[in-house]
PDB file of all heavy atoms in Angstrom:
ATOM      1  N   MET A   1    -193.737-118.391  30.514  1.00  0.00           N
ATOM      2  CA  MET A   1    -192.854-119.247  31.225  1.00  0.00           C
ATOM      3  C   MET A   1    -193.094-120.743  30.739  1.00  0.00           C
ATOM      4  O   MET A   1    -194.242-121.149  30.449  1.00  0.00           O
ATOM      5  CB  MET A   1    -193.140-119.339  32.783  1.00  0.00           C
ATOM      6  CG  MET A   1    -192.339-120.159  33.619  1.00  0.00           C
ATOM      7  SD  MET A   1    -192.556-119.768  35.214  1.00  0.00           S
ATOM      8  CE  MET A   1    -191.826-121.203  36.034  1.00  0.00           C
ATOM      9  N   THR A   2    -192.115-121.418  30.389  1.00  0.00           N
ATOM     10  CA  THR A   2    -192.086-122.807  29.900  1.00  0.00           C
ATOM     11  C   THR A   2    -192.668-123.802  30.904  1.00  0.00           C
ATOM     12  O   THR A   2    -192.166-123.630  32.004  1.00  0.00           O
ATOM     13  CB  THR A   2    -190.666-123.229  29.366  1.00  0.00           C
ATOM     14  OG1 THR A   2    -190.259-122.303  28.406  1.00  0.00           O
ATOM     15  CG2 THR A   2    -190.787-124.514  28.656  1.00  0.00           C
ATOM     16  N   LYS A   3    -193.494-124.721  30.438  1.00  0.00           N
ATOM     17  CA  LYS A   3    -194.072-125.724  31.271  1.00  0.00           C
ATOM     18  C   LYS A   3    -192.894-126.637  31.648  1.00  0.00           C
ATOM     19  O   LYS A   3    -192.015-126.998  30.754  1.00  0.00           O
ATOM     20  CB  LYS A   3    -195.190-126.463  30.557  1.00  0.00           C
ATOM     21  CG  LYS A   3    -196.420-125.707  30.475  1.00  0.00           C
ATOM     22  CD  LYS A   3    -197.437-126.625  29.793  1.00  0.00           C
ATOM     23  CE  LYS A   3    -198.812-125.962  29.693  1.00  0.00           C
ATOM     24  NZ  LYS A   3    -199.777-126.823  29.085  1.00  0.00           N
ATOM     25  N   THR A   4    -193.046-127.143  32.913  1.00  0.00           N
ATOM     26  CA  THR A   4    -192.071-128.234  33.150  1.00  0.00           C
ATOM     27  C   THR A   4    -192.460-129.515  32.538  1.00  0.00           C
ATOM     28  O   THR A   4    -193.704-129.618  32.150  1.00  0.00           O
ATOM     29  CB  THR A   4    -191.828-128.463  34.787  1.00  0.00           C
ATOM     30  OG1 THR A   4    -193.099-128.921  35.186  1.00  0.00           O
ATOM     31  CG2 THR A   4    -191.401-127.143  35.438  1.00  0.00           C
ATOM     32  N   ILE A   5    -191.682-130.565  32.559  1.00  0.00           N
ATOM     33  CA  ILE A   5    -192.171-131.818  31.989  1.00  0.00           C
ATOM     34  C   ILE A   5    -193.493-132.406  32.630  1.00  0.00           C
ATOM     35  O   ILE A   5    -194.345-132.906  31.904  1.00  0.00           O
ATOM     36  CB  ILE A   5    -191.022-132.867  31.908  1.00  0.00           C
ATOM     37  CG1 ILE A   5    -191.309-134.146  31.154  1.00  0.00           C
ATOM     38  CG2 ILE A   5    -190.557-133.280  33.316  1.00  0.00           C
ATOM     39  CD1 ILE A   5    -191.414-133.886  29.673  1.00  0.00           C
ATOM     40  N   VAL A   6    -193.559-132.265  33.879  1.00  0.00           N
ATOM     41  CA  VAL A   6    -194.708-132.881  34.578  1.00  0.00           C
ATOM     42  C   VAL A   6    -195.969-132.025  34.374  1.00  0.00           C
ATOM     43  O   VAL A   6    -197.029-132.527  34.678  1.00  0.00           O
ATOM     44  CB  VAL A   6    -194.438-133.112  36.055  1.00  0.00           C
ATOM     45  CG1 VAL A   6    -193.245-134.070  36.270  1.00  0.00           C
ATOM     46  CG2 VAL A   6    -194.139-131.823  36.813  1.00  0.00           C
ATOM     47  N   GLU A   7    -195.920-130.847  33.917  1.00  0.00           N
ATOM     48  CA  GLU A   7    -197.165-130.009  33.668  1.00  0.00           C
ATOM     49  C   GLU A   7    -197.658-130.226  32.356  1.00  0.00           C
ATOM     50  O   GLU A   7    -198.706-129.753  32.095  1.00  0.00           O
ATOM     51  CB  GLU A   7    -196.803-128.407  33.869  1.00  0.00           C
ATOM     52  CG  GLU A   7    -196.384-128.119  35.318  1.00  0.00           C
ATOM     53  CD  GLU A   7    -195.909-126.741  35.411  1.00  0.00           C
ATOM     54  OE1 GLU A   7    -195.183-126.270  34.545  1.00  0.00           O
ATOM     55  OE2 GLU A   7    -196.067-126.138  36.449  1.00  0.00           O
ATOM     56  N   ARG A   8    -197.004-130.994  31.568  1.00  0.00           N
ATOM     57  CA  ARG A   8    -197.490-131.246  30.240  1.00  0.00           C
ATOM     58  C   ARG A   8    -198.458-132.472  30.161  1.00  0.00           C
ATOM     59  O   ARG A   8    -198.412-133.267  31.112  1.00  0.00           O
ATOM     60  CB  ARG A   8    -196.242-131.572  29.271  1.00  0.00           C
ATOM     61  CG  ARG A   8    -195.354-130.399  29.203  1.00  0.00           C
ATOM     62  CD  ARG A   8    -194.146-130.674  28.393  1.00  0.00           C
ATOM     63  NE  ARG A   8    -193.136-129.687  28.553  1.00  0.00           N
ATOM     64  CZ  ARG A   8    -192.855-128.816  27.539  1.00  0.00           C
ATOM     65  NH1 ARG A   8    -193.438-128.795  26.438  1.00  0.00           N
ATOM     66  NH2 ARG A   8    -191.936-127.917  27.843  1.00  0.00           N
ATOM     67  N   THR A   9    -199.194-132.617  29.160  1.00  0.00           N
ATOM     68  CA  THR A   9    -200.233-133.779  29.125  1.00  0.00           C
ATOM     69  C   THR A   9    -199.338-135.043  28.816  1.00  0.00           C
ATOM     70  O   THR A   9    -198.236-135.018  28.287  1.00  0.00           O
ATOM     71  CB  THR A   9    -201.164-133.641  27.984  1.00  0.00           C
ATOM     72  OG1 THR A   9    -200.539-133.587  26.674  1.00  0.00           O
ATOM     73  CG2 THR A   9    -202.070-132.180  28.161  1.00  0.00           C
ATOM     74  N   ASP A  10    -199.988-136.277  29.049  1.00  0.00           N
ATOM     75  CA  ASP A  10    -199.427-137.419  28.693  1.00  0.00           C
ATOM     76  C   ASP A  10    -198.990-137.530  27.264  1.00  0.00           C
ATOM     77  O   ASP A  10    -197.869-137.903  26.813  1.00  0.00           O
ATOM     78  CB  ASP A  10    -200.395-138.635  29.009  1.00  0.00           C
ATOM     79  CG  ASP A  10    -200.482-139.013  30.406  1.00  0.00           C
ATOM     80  OD1 ASP A  10    -199.868-138.216  31.186  1.00  0.00           O
ATOM     81  OD2 ASP A  10    -201.065-140.011  30.712  1.00  0.00           O
ATOM     82  N   GLU A  11    -199.873-137.022  26.341  1.00  0.00           N
ATOM     83  CA  GLU A  11    -199.616-137.026  24.968  1.00  0.00           C
ATOM     84  C   GLU A  11    -198.475-136.149  24.638  1.00  0.00           C
ATOM     85  O   GLU A  11    -197.614-136.515  23.681  1.00  0.00           O
ATOM     86  CB  GLU A  11    -200.811-136.541  24.075  1.00  0.00           C
ATOM     87  CG  GLU A  11    -202.002-137.540  24.225  1.00  0.00           C
ATOM     88  CD  GLU A  11    -202.801-137.471  25.519  1.00  0.00           C
ATOM     89  OE1 GLU A  11    -202.636-136.445  26.249  1.00  0.00           O
ATOM     90  OE2 GLU A  11    -203.518-138.367  25.849  1.00  0.00           O
ATOM     91  N   GLN A  12    -198.370-134.951  25.254  1.00  0.00           N
ATOM     92  CA  GLN A  12    -197.129-134.166  24.951  1.00  0.00           C
ATOM     93  C   GLN A  12    -195.848-134.786  25.364  1.00  0.00           C
ATOM     94  O   GLN A  12    -194.837-134.701  24.720  1.00  0.00           O
ATOM     95  CB  GLN A  12    -197.382-132.838  25.665  1.00  0.00           C
ATOM     96  CG  GLN A  12    -198.398-131.859  25.041  1.00  0.00           C
ATOM     97  CD  GLN A  12    -198.807-130.644  25.961  1.00  0.00           C
ATOM     98  OE1 GLN A  12    -198.785-130.616  27.151  1.00  0.00           O
ATOM     99  NE2 GLN A  12    -199.072-129.692  25.250  1.00  0.00           N
ATOM    100  N   ILE A  13    -195.961-135.361  26.588  1.00  0.00           N
ATOM    101  CA  ILE A  13    -194.694-136.021  27.118  1.00  0.00           C
ATOM    102  C   ILE A  13    -194.191-137.132  26.219  1.00  0.00           C
ATOM    103  O   ILE A  13    -193.163-137.342  25.998  1.00  0.00           O
ATOM    104  CB  ILE A  13    -194.897-136.447  28.591  1.00  0.00           C
ATOM    105  CG1 ILE A  13    -195.161-135.281  29.545  1.00  0.00           C
ATOM    106  CG2 ILE A  13    -193.858-137.396  29.026  1.00  0.00           C
ATOM    107  CD1 ILE A  13    -195.585-135.536  30.943  1.00  0.00           C
ATOM    108  N   ILE A  14    -195.214-137.946  25.789  1.00  0.00           N
ATOM    109  CA  ILE A  14    -194.942-139.070  24.918  1.00  0.00           C
ATOM    110  C   ILE A  14    -194.270-138.518  23.639  1.00  0.00           C
ATOM    111  O   ILE A  14    -193.357-139.125  23.111  1.00  0.00           O
ATOM    112  CB  ILE A  14    -196.078-139.936  24.719  1.00  0.00           C
ATOM    113  CG1 ILE A  14    -196.500-140.761  25.998  1.00  0.00           C
ATOM    114  CG2 ILE A  14    -195.826-141.030  23.589  1.00  0.00           C
ATOM    115  CD1 ILE A  14    -197.865-141.388  25.995  1.00  0.00           C
ATOM    116  N   ALA A  15    -194.853-137.513  23.048  1.00  0.00           N
ATOM    117  CA  ALA A  15    -194.338-136.872  21.850  1.00  0.00           C
ATOM    118  C   ALA A  15    -192.837-136.423  22.015  1.00  0.00           C
ATOM    119  O   ALA A  15    -192.098-136.572  21.141  1.00  0.00           O
ATOM    120  CB  ALA A  15    -195.287-135.743  21.418  1.00  0.00           C
ATOM    121  N   LEU A  16    -192.608-135.926  23.068  1.00  0.00           N
ATOM    122  CA  LEU A  16    -191.281-135.496  23.463  1.00  0.00           C
ATOM    123  C   LEU A  16    -190.410-136.623  23.696  1.00  0.00           C
ATOM    124  O   LEU A  16    -189.080-136.507  23.370  1.00  0.00           O
ATOM    125  CB  LEU A  16    -191.216-134.559  24.700  1.00  0.00           C
ATOM    126  CG  LEU A  16    -191.727-133.225  24.567  1.00  0.00           C
ATOM    127  CD1 LEU A  16    -191.928-132.525  25.912  1.00  0.00           C
ATOM    128  CD2 LEU A  16    -190.897-132.326  23.662  1.00  0.00           C
ATOM    129  N   ALA A  17    -190.803-137.756  24.223  1.00  0.00           N
ATOM    130  CA  ALA A  17    -189.951-138.852  24.542  1.00  0.00           C
ATOM    131  C   ALA A  17    -189.702-139.700  23.401  1.00  0.00           C
ATOM    132  O   ALA A  17    -188.619-140.428  23.319  1.00  0.00           O
ATOM    133  CB  ALA A  17    -190.675-139.700  25.609  1.00  0.00           C
ATOM    134  N   GLU A  18    -190.657-139.777  22.374  1.00  0.00           N
ATOM    135  CA  GLU A  18    -190.467-140.670  21.295  1.00  0.00           C
ATOM    136  C   GLU A  18    -189.066-140.503  20.546  1.00  0.00           C
ATOM    137  O   GLU A  18    -188.433-141.481  20.206  1.00  0.00           O
ATOM    138  CB  GLU A  18    -191.656-140.647  20.400  1.00  0.00           C
ATOM    139  CG  GLU A  18    -192.927-141.375  20.810  1.00  0.00           C
ATOM    140  CD  GLU A  18    -192.763-142.888  20.701  1.00  0.00           C
ATOM    141  OE1 GLU A  18    -191.877-143.388  20.045  1.00  0.00           O
ATOM    142  OE2 GLU A  18    -193.641-143.561  21.245  1.00  0.00           O
ATOM    143  N   PRO A  19    -188.701-139.344  20.169  1.00  0.00           N
ATOM    144  CA  PRO A  19    -187.560-139.128  19.481  1.00  0.00           C
ATOM    145  C   PRO A  19    -186.252-139.593  20.238  1.00  0.00           C
ATOM    146  O   PRO A  19    -185.233-140.004  19.704  1.00  0.00           O
ATOM    147  CB  PRO A  19    -187.415-137.627  19.075  1.00  0.00           C
ATOM    148  CG  PRO A  19    -188.639-136.978  19.690  1.00  0.00           C
ATOM    149  CD  PRO A  19    -189.445-138.036  20.183  1.00  0.00           C
ATOM    150  N   LEU A  20    -186.344-139.292  21.605  1.00  0.00           N
ATOM    151  CA  LEU A  20    -185.322-139.708  22.508  1.00  0.00           C
ATOM    152  C   LEU A  20    -185.061-141.190  22.526  1.00  0.00           C
ATOM    153  O   LEU A  20    -184.055-141.763  22.443  1.00  0.00           O
ATOM    154  CB  LEU A  20    -185.392-139.106  23.845  1.00  0.00           C
ATOM    155  CG  LEU A  20    -184.963-137.695  24.213  1.00  0.00           C
ATOM    156  CD1 LEU A  20    -185.793-136.684  23.315  1.00  0.00           C
ATOM    157  CD2 LEU A  20    -185.119-137.419  25.660  1.00  0.00           C
ATOM    158  N   LEU A  21    -186.232-141.876  22.648  1.00  0.00           N
ATOM    159  CA  LEU A  21    -186.247-143.387  22.594  1.00  0.00           C
ATOM    160  C   LEU A  21    -185.786-143.800  21.276  1.00  0.00           C
ATOM    161  O   LEU A  21    -184.982-144.783  21.281  1.00  0.00           O
ATOM    162  CB  LEU A  21    -187.608-144.050  22.982  1.00  0.00           C
ATOM    163  CG  LEU A  21    -187.785-145.406  22.865  1.00  0.00           C
ATOM    164  CD1 LEU A  21    -186.831-146.222  23.743  1.00  0.00           C
ATOM    165  CD2 LEU A  21    -189.185-145.821  23.162  1.00  0.00           C
ATOM    166  N   GLN A  22    -186.236-143.282  20.175  1.00  0.00           N
ATOM    167  CA  GLN A  22    -185.733-143.720  18.877  1.00  0.00           C
ATOM    168  C   GLN A  22    -184.287-143.529  18.580  1.00  0.00           C
ATOM    169  O   GLN A  22    -183.621-144.395  18.073  1.00  0.00           O
ATOM    170  CB  GLN A  22    -186.501-143.009  17.713  1.00  0.00           C
ATOM    171  CG  GLN A  22    -186.288-143.456  16.235  1.00  0.00           C
ATOM    172  CD  GLN A  22    -186.841-144.904  16.285  1.00  0.00           C
ATOM    173  OE1 GLN A  22    -187.981-145.199  16.552  1.00  0.00           O
ATOM    174  NE2 GLN A  22    -185.843-145.841  15.765  1.00  0.00           N
ATOM    175  N   ASN A  23    -183.841-142.467  19.142  1.00  0.00           N
ATOM    176  CA  ASN A  23    -182.368-142.222  19.082  1.00  0.00           C
ATOM    177  C   ASN A  23    -181.553-143.405  19.840  1.00  0.00           C
ATOM    178  O   ASN A  23    -180.503-143.766  19.462  1.00  0.00           O
ATOM    179  CB  ASN A  23    -181.944-140.826  19.649  1.00  0.00           C
ATOM    180  CG  ASN A  23    -180.718-140.255  18.979  1.00  0.00           C
ATOM    181  OD1 ASN A  23    -180.499-140.487  17.766  1.00  0.00           O
ATOM    182  ND2 ASN A  23    -180.006-139.394  19.765  1.00  0.00           N
ATOM    183  N   LEU A  24    -182.060-143.659  21.031  1.00  0.00           N
ATOM    184  CA  LEU A  24    -181.511-144.642  21.909  1.00  0.00           C
ATOM    185  C   LEU A  24    -181.380-146.006  21.141  1.00  0.00           C
ATOM    186  O   LEU A  24    -180.508-146.739  21.095  1.00  0.00           O
ATOM    187  CB  LEU A  24    -182.152-144.795  23.293  1.00  0.00           C
ATOM    188  CG  LEU A  24    -181.678-145.752  24.208  1.00  0.00           C
ATOM    189  CD1 LEU A  24    -181.803-145.097  25.693  1.00  0.00           C
ATOM    190  CD2 LEU A  24    -182.446-146.984  24.176  1.00  0.00           C
ATOM    191  N   LEU A  25    -182.593-146.394  20.577  1.00  0.00           N
ATOM    192  CA  LEU A  25    -182.739-147.677  19.964  1.00  0.00           C
ATOM    193  C   LEU A  25    -181.916-147.585  18.710  1.00  0.00           C
ATOM    194  O   LEU A  25    -181.349-148.747  18.408  1.00  0.00           O
ATOM    195  CB  LEU A  25    -184.258-147.899  19.611  1.00  0.00           C
ATOM    196  CG  LEU A  25    -185.251-148.147  20.777  1.00  0.00           C
ATOM    197  CD1 LEU A  25    -186.565-148.255  20.371  1.00  0.00           C
ATOM    198  CD2 LEU A  25    -184.743-149.419  21.563  1.00  0.00           C
ATOM    199  N   ASP A  26    -181.832-146.539  17.987  1.00  0.00           N
ATOM    200  CA  ASP A  26    -181.013-146.604  16.688  1.00  0.00           C
ATOM    201  C   ASP A  26    -179.506-146.679  17.043  1.00  0.00           C
ATOM    202  O   ASP A  26    -178.802-147.431  16.400  1.00  0.00           O
ATOM    203  CB  ASP A  26    -181.270-145.186  15.930  1.00  0.00           C
ATOM    204  CG  ASP A  26    -182.596-145.226  15.274  1.00  0.00           C
ATOM    205  OD1 ASP A  26    -183.260-146.182  15.218  1.00  0.00           O
ATOM    206  OD2 ASP A  26    -183.026-144.064  14.828  1.00  0.00           O
TER     207      ASP A  26
END
């Protein structure tokens, strides 16, 4: 079963968030 976003570590969440933020900024 896939972990939900809140079950991931801070580092994992930030790694997932970075490309979304980069896309938004670009």
